[in-house]
Structure formats: C-alpha cells, structure tokens
N, C-alpha and C. Protein backbone atom coordinates (compact mmCIF):
# COMPACT_ATOMS: atom_id res chain seq x y z
N MET A 1 94.27 171.21 151.08
CA MET A 1 95.22 170.47 151.87
C MET A 1 94.53 169.86 153.10
N LYS A 2 93.66 170.65 153.75
CA LYS A 2 92.96 170.14 154.93
C LYS A 2 92.06 168.96 154.55
N LYS A 3 91.44 169.04 153.35
CA LYS A 3 90.58 167.94 152.91
C LYS A 3 91.41 166.68 152.68
N ALA A 4 92.59 166.85 152.12
CA ALA A 4 93.46 165.69 151.87
C ALA A 4 93.89 165.05 153.18
N ILE A 5 94.23 165.85 154.17
CA ILE A 5 94.62 165.33 155.48
C ILE A 5 93.43 164.64 156.15
N ALA A 6 92.26 165.27 156.06
CA ALA A 6 91.06 164.67 156.64
C ALA A 6 90.76 163.33 155.97
N ALA A 7 90.90 163.29 154.64
CA ALA A 7 90.64 162.04 153.91
C ALA A 7 91.64 160.97 154.32
N LEU A 8 92.89 161.37 154.49
CA LEU A 8 93.93 160.42 154.91
C LEU A 8 93.62 159.87 156.31
N LEU A 9 93.21 160.75 157.22
CA LEU A 9 92.88 160.31 158.58
C LEU A 9 91.67 159.37 158.59
N VAL A 10 90.68 159.69 157.78
CA VAL A 10 89.50 158.82 157.68
C VAL A 10 89.93 157.46 157.11
N GLY A 11 90.79 157.49 156.10
CA GLY A 11 91.29 156.25 155.51
C GLY A 11 92.05 155.40 156.51
N ILE A 12 92.89 156.05 157.30
CA ILE A 12 93.65 155.32 158.33
C ILE A 12 92.71 154.74 159.38
N ALA A 13 91.75 155.53 159.82
CA ALA A 13 90.80 155.06 160.82
C ALA A 13 90.00 153.87 160.28
N PHE A 14 89.58 153.97 159.03
CA PHE A 14 88.80 152.91 158.40
C PHE A 14 89.64 151.64 158.27
N SER A 15 90.88 151.79 157.80
CA SER A 15 91.71 150.60 157.61
C SER A 15 92.07 149.97 158.95
N THR A 16 92.26 150.77 159.97
CA THR A 16 92.53 150.24 161.31
C THR A 16 91.33 149.45 161.81
N GLY A 17 90.15 149.98 161.60
CA GLY A 17 88.93 149.27 161.98
C GLY A 17 88.77 147.99 161.20
N MET A 18 89.09 148.02 159.92
CA MET A 18 89.01 146.82 159.09
C MET A 18 90.00 145.77 159.57
N THR A 19 91.21 146.21 159.91
CA THR A 19 92.22 145.27 160.38
C THR A 19 91.77 144.63 161.68
N THR A 20 91.21 145.41 162.57
CA THR A 20 90.71 144.88 163.84
C THR A 20 89.57 143.90 163.60
N ALA A 21 88.66 144.26 162.71
CA ALA A 21 87.53 143.38 162.39
C ALA A 21 88.04 142.09 161.77
N MET A 22 89.02 142.19 160.89
CA MET A 22 89.58 141.00 160.25
C MET A 22 90.27 140.11 161.30
N ALA A 23 90.98 140.73 162.23
CA ALA A 23 91.66 139.97 163.28
C ALA A 23 90.63 139.27 164.17
N ASP A 24 89.55 139.97 164.51
CA ASP A 24 88.49 139.36 165.32
C ASP A 24 87.87 138.19 164.58
N ASN A 25 87.64 138.35 163.28
CA ASN A 25 87.05 137.30 162.47
C ASN A 25 87.98 136.09 162.41
N ALA A 26 89.30 136.34 162.21
CA ALA A 26 90.26 135.25 162.18
C ALA A 26 90.29 134.54 163.52
N SER A 27 90.23 135.30 164.61
CA SER A 27 90.25 134.73 165.95
C SER A 27 89.04 133.82 166.16
N SER A 28 87.87 134.24 165.71
CA SER A 28 86.67 133.42 165.90
C SER A 28 86.74 132.17 165.02
N LYS A 29 87.35 132.27 163.85
CA LYS A 29 87.52 131.09 162.99
C LYS A 29 88.46 130.10 163.65
N GLU A 30 89.54 130.61 164.23
CA GLU A 30 90.48 129.74 164.93
C GLU A 30 89.78 129.03 166.09
N GLU A 31 88.98 129.79 166.84
CA GLU A 31 88.28 129.22 167.99
C GLU A 31 87.30 128.14 167.53
N LYS A 32 86.59 128.41 166.46
CA LYS A 32 85.64 127.44 165.92
C LYS A 32 86.36 126.16 165.50
N MET A 33 87.49 126.32 164.81
CA MET A 33 88.27 125.18 164.36
C MET A 33 88.83 124.41 165.57
N PHE A 34 89.34 125.15 166.56
CA PHE A 34 89.90 124.50 167.75
C PHE A 34 88.84 123.67 168.46
N LYS A 35 87.66 124.25 168.63
CA LYS A 35 86.58 123.52 169.31
C LYS A 35 86.19 122.26 168.55
N MET A 36 86.24 122.35 167.22
CA MET A 36 85.90 121.19 166.40
C MET A 36 86.95 120.08 166.57
N VAL A 37 88.22 120.46 166.64
CA VAL A 37 89.30 119.48 166.72
C VAL A 37 89.44 118.91 168.13
N ASP A 38 89.18 119.72 169.15
CA ASP A 38 89.32 119.30 170.55
C ASP A 38 88.12 118.43 170.95
N ALA A 39 88.15 117.18 170.53
CA ALA A 39 87.03 116.27 170.73
C ALA A 39 86.75 116.01 172.21
N SER A 40 87.78 116.02 173.05
CA SER A 40 87.59 115.73 174.47
C SER A 40 87.20 116.97 175.27
N ASN A 41 87.18 118.12 174.61
CA ASN A 41 86.81 119.40 175.26
C ASN A 41 87.65 119.70 176.51
N ASP A 42 88.93 119.35 176.46
CA ASP A 42 89.80 119.61 177.60
C ASP A 42 90.72 120.82 177.38
N GLY A 43 90.50 121.54 176.27
CA GLY A 43 91.31 122.71 175.99
C GLY A 43 92.67 122.38 175.41
N MET A 44 92.86 121.13 175.04
CA MET A 44 94.11 120.67 174.45
C MET A 44 93.78 119.84 173.21
N VAL A 45 94.68 119.86 172.23
CA VAL A 45 94.50 119.04 171.03
C VAL A 45 95.61 118.00 171.00
N THR A 46 95.22 116.75 171.08
CA THR A 46 96.20 115.68 170.99
C THR A 46 96.50 115.39 169.51
N ARG A 47 97.56 114.67 169.29
CA ARG A 47 97.90 114.26 167.92
C ARG A 47 96.76 113.44 167.32
N GLU A 48 96.20 112.56 168.11
CA GLU A 48 95.11 111.70 167.64
C GLU A 48 93.88 112.53 167.26
N GLU A 49 93.53 113.52 168.10
CA GLU A 49 92.39 114.39 167.79
C GLU A 49 92.64 115.16 166.49
N PHE A 50 93.86 115.66 166.36
CA PHE A 50 94.22 116.43 165.17
C PHE A 50 94.12 115.56 163.91
N LEU A 51 94.74 114.39 163.95
CA LEU A 51 94.73 113.50 162.78
C LEU A 51 93.31 113.05 162.43
N LYS A 52 92.52 112.76 163.45
CA LYS A 52 91.13 112.34 163.20
C LYS A 52 90.33 113.47 162.55
N ALA A 53 90.50 114.69 163.04
CA ALA A 53 89.78 115.84 162.48
C ALA A 53 90.22 116.11 161.04
N MET A 54 91.52 116.06 160.79
CA MET A 54 92.02 116.31 159.43
C MET A 54 91.55 115.21 158.48
N GLY A 55 91.55 113.97 158.96
CA GLY A 55 91.05 112.86 158.15
C GLY A 55 89.58 113.03 157.80
N LYS A 56 88.80 113.50 158.77
CA LYS A 56 87.38 113.73 158.52
C LYS A 56 87.18 114.84 157.49
N MET A 57 87.98 115.90 157.61
CA MET A 57 87.88 116.99 156.64
C MET A 57 88.22 116.51 155.24
N TYR A 58 89.25 115.67 155.13
CA TYR A 58 89.64 115.10 153.84
C TYR A 58 88.49 114.26 153.28
N ASP A 59 87.95 113.38 154.11
CA ASP A 59 86.85 112.51 153.67
C ASP A 59 85.63 113.31 153.26
N ASP A 60 85.29 114.34 154.04
CA ASP A 60 84.14 115.19 153.72
C ASP A 60 84.35 115.91 152.39
N LYS A 61 85.55 116.41 152.16
CA LYS A 61 85.84 117.13 150.92
C LYS A 61 85.77 116.18 149.73
N MET A 62 86.32 114.97 149.88
CA MET A 62 86.27 113.99 148.79
C MET A 62 84.82 113.60 148.49
N ALA A 63 84.00 113.46 149.51
CA ALA A 63 82.58 113.14 149.31
C ALA A 63 81.90 114.27 148.55
N ALA A 64 82.25 115.51 148.89
CA ALA A 64 81.67 116.66 148.20
C ALA A 64 82.09 116.67 146.72
N PHE A 65 83.35 116.35 146.44
CA PHE A 65 83.82 116.29 145.05
C PHE A 65 83.05 115.23 144.27
N LYS A 66 82.81 114.09 144.90
CA LYS A 66 82.08 113.01 144.23
C LYS A 66 80.66 113.43 143.91
N LYS A 67 80.03 114.18 144.82
CA LYS A 67 78.66 114.66 144.59
C LYS A 67 78.61 115.69 143.45
N MET A 68 79.73 116.37 143.20
CA MET A 68 79.77 117.40 142.16
C MET A 68 79.76 116.81 140.76
N GLY A 69 79.97 115.52 140.64
CA GLY A 69 79.98 114.88 139.33
C GLY A 69 81.17 115.34 138.51
N LYS A 70 80.90 115.75 137.26
CA LYS A 70 81.97 116.16 136.35
C LYS A 70 82.76 117.35 136.88
N GLU A 71 82.08 118.26 137.56
CA GLU A 71 82.76 119.44 138.11
C GLU A 71 83.79 119.05 139.16
N GLY A 72 83.53 118.02 139.92
CA GLY A 72 84.45 117.58 140.96
C GLY A 72 85.48 116.58 140.49
N ALA A 73 85.30 116.08 139.26
CA ALA A 73 86.20 115.04 138.75
C ALA A 73 87.65 115.51 138.68
N GLY A 74 87.88 116.78 138.40
CA GLY A 74 89.24 117.29 138.33
C GLY A 74 89.89 117.46 139.69
N MET A 75 89.11 117.31 140.74
CA MET A 75 89.62 117.49 142.10
C MET A 75 90.12 116.17 142.69
N MET A 76 89.85 115.07 141.99
CA MET A 76 90.27 113.78 142.51
C MET A 76 90.55 112.83 141.36
N LYS A 77 91.33 111.83 141.67
CA LYS A 77 91.60 110.76 140.72
C LYS A 77 91.48 109.47 141.50
N GLY A 78 90.38 108.76 141.28
CA GLY A 78 90.10 107.58 142.09
C GLY A 78 89.80 108.00 143.51
N ASP A 79 90.55 107.46 144.45
CA ASP A 79 90.36 107.82 145.86
C ASP A 79 91.40 108.82 146.34
N ASP A 80 92.13 109.41 145.39
CA ASP A 80 93.18 110.37 145.74
C ASP A 80 92.77 111.78 145.33
N MET A 81 93.28 112.75 146.06
CA MET A 81 92.99 114.16 145.81
C MET A 81 94.07 114.74 144.90
N THR A 82 93.64 115.46 143.87
CA THR A 82 94.59 116.12 142.99
C THR A 82 95.10 117.41 143.64
N ARG A 83 96.02 118.06 142.98
CA ARG A 83 96.54 119.34 143.48
C ARG A 83 95.39 120.35 143.61
N GLY A 84 94.48 120.37 142.63
CA GLY A 84 93.33 121.28 142.69
C GLY A 84 92.42 120.96 143.86
N GLY A 85 92.21 119.67 144.12
CA GLY A 85 91.40 119.26 145.26
C GLY A 85 92.04 119.65 146.58
N PHE A 86 93.37 119.46 146.66
CA PHE A 86 94.07 119.84 147.88
C PHE A 86 93.98 121.35 148.11
N LYS A 87 94.09 122.10 147.02
CA LYS A 87 93.98 123.56 147.14
C LYS A 87 92.61 123.94 147.69
N ALA A 88 91.57 123.30 147.19
CA ALA A 88 90.21 123.58 147.67
C ALA A 88 90.08 123.23 149.15
N LEU A 89 90.64 122.10 149.56
CA LEU A 89 90.61 121.71 150.97
C LEU A 89 91.39 122.71 151.82
N TYR A 90 92.57 123.08 151.34
CA TYR A 90 93.40 124.04 152.06
C TYR A 90 92.69 125.37 152.23
N MET A 91 92.04 125.84 151.16
CA MET A 91 91.32 127.11 151.24
C MET A 91 90.18 127.03 152.24
N ASP A 92 89.50 125.88 152.30
CA ASP A 92 88.45 125.69 153.29
C ASP A 92 89.02 125.76 154.71
N LEU A 93 90.16 125.11 154.92
CA LEU A 93 90.80 125.12 156.23
C LEU A 93 91.24 126.53 156.59
N TYR A 94 91.84 127.21 155.63
CA TYR A 94 92.36 128.55 155.88
C TYR A 94 91.24 129.55 156.16
N SER A 95 90.14 129.39 155.43
CA SER A 95 89.03 130.33 155.60
C SER A 95 88.13 129.96 156.78
N GLY A 96 88.31 128.74 157.30
CA GLY A 96 87.51 128.34 158.46
C GLY A 96 86.12 127.83 158.11
N SER A 97 85.92 127.46 156.86
CA SER A 97 84.60 126.95 156.50
C SER A 97 84.42 125.53 156.94
C-alpha cells in the first residue's frame, strides 16, 4: 500500500512538472509568435500587422507545398489551399513553428 501511495505521489509530482513545463513552452511559443507579428515592436499588434503576418505565413506555406512537388500537390489546388493544406498551416501556427 505504501508503494502504491508513493508511486501515486511521484506520478502527481511528475505530471505537475510536465504541466508546468508545457505551460512554459506554450508561453515561449506565444511570445515568439507575438514578437514576429509585432512588426513595430511597440508591444501592440495592429490589425494591419496581424493580417500581414498571417498573409506571409500563408504565402510561405504555399511556397513550401510547391517545393514538395507531388507530396505537396494535395495541399493546394492552383493558388488555393486545400483543407489538408489549411490543417498543416493551422498545426504550424498552433505549435509555434
């Protein structure tokens, strides 16, 4: 019984540490993204800065799909992004890459 309680406490301590580490990682990703979008470095993001940054991310992702050749073909149709391409872009945004 004592071993089970000790294991439970170690598990809780570990998961708490993991949660804190994950929160710190998310915070640094947010900060990195914010700094990238805040072109004027004034600590504020204007609509124009936001739209310009999102447009650049879209353009960069489309360029990457084009470089992928056949592998990237399913991510776009002409100059438009497919659902799969949008998912890839969204995952990049969400993960902070």
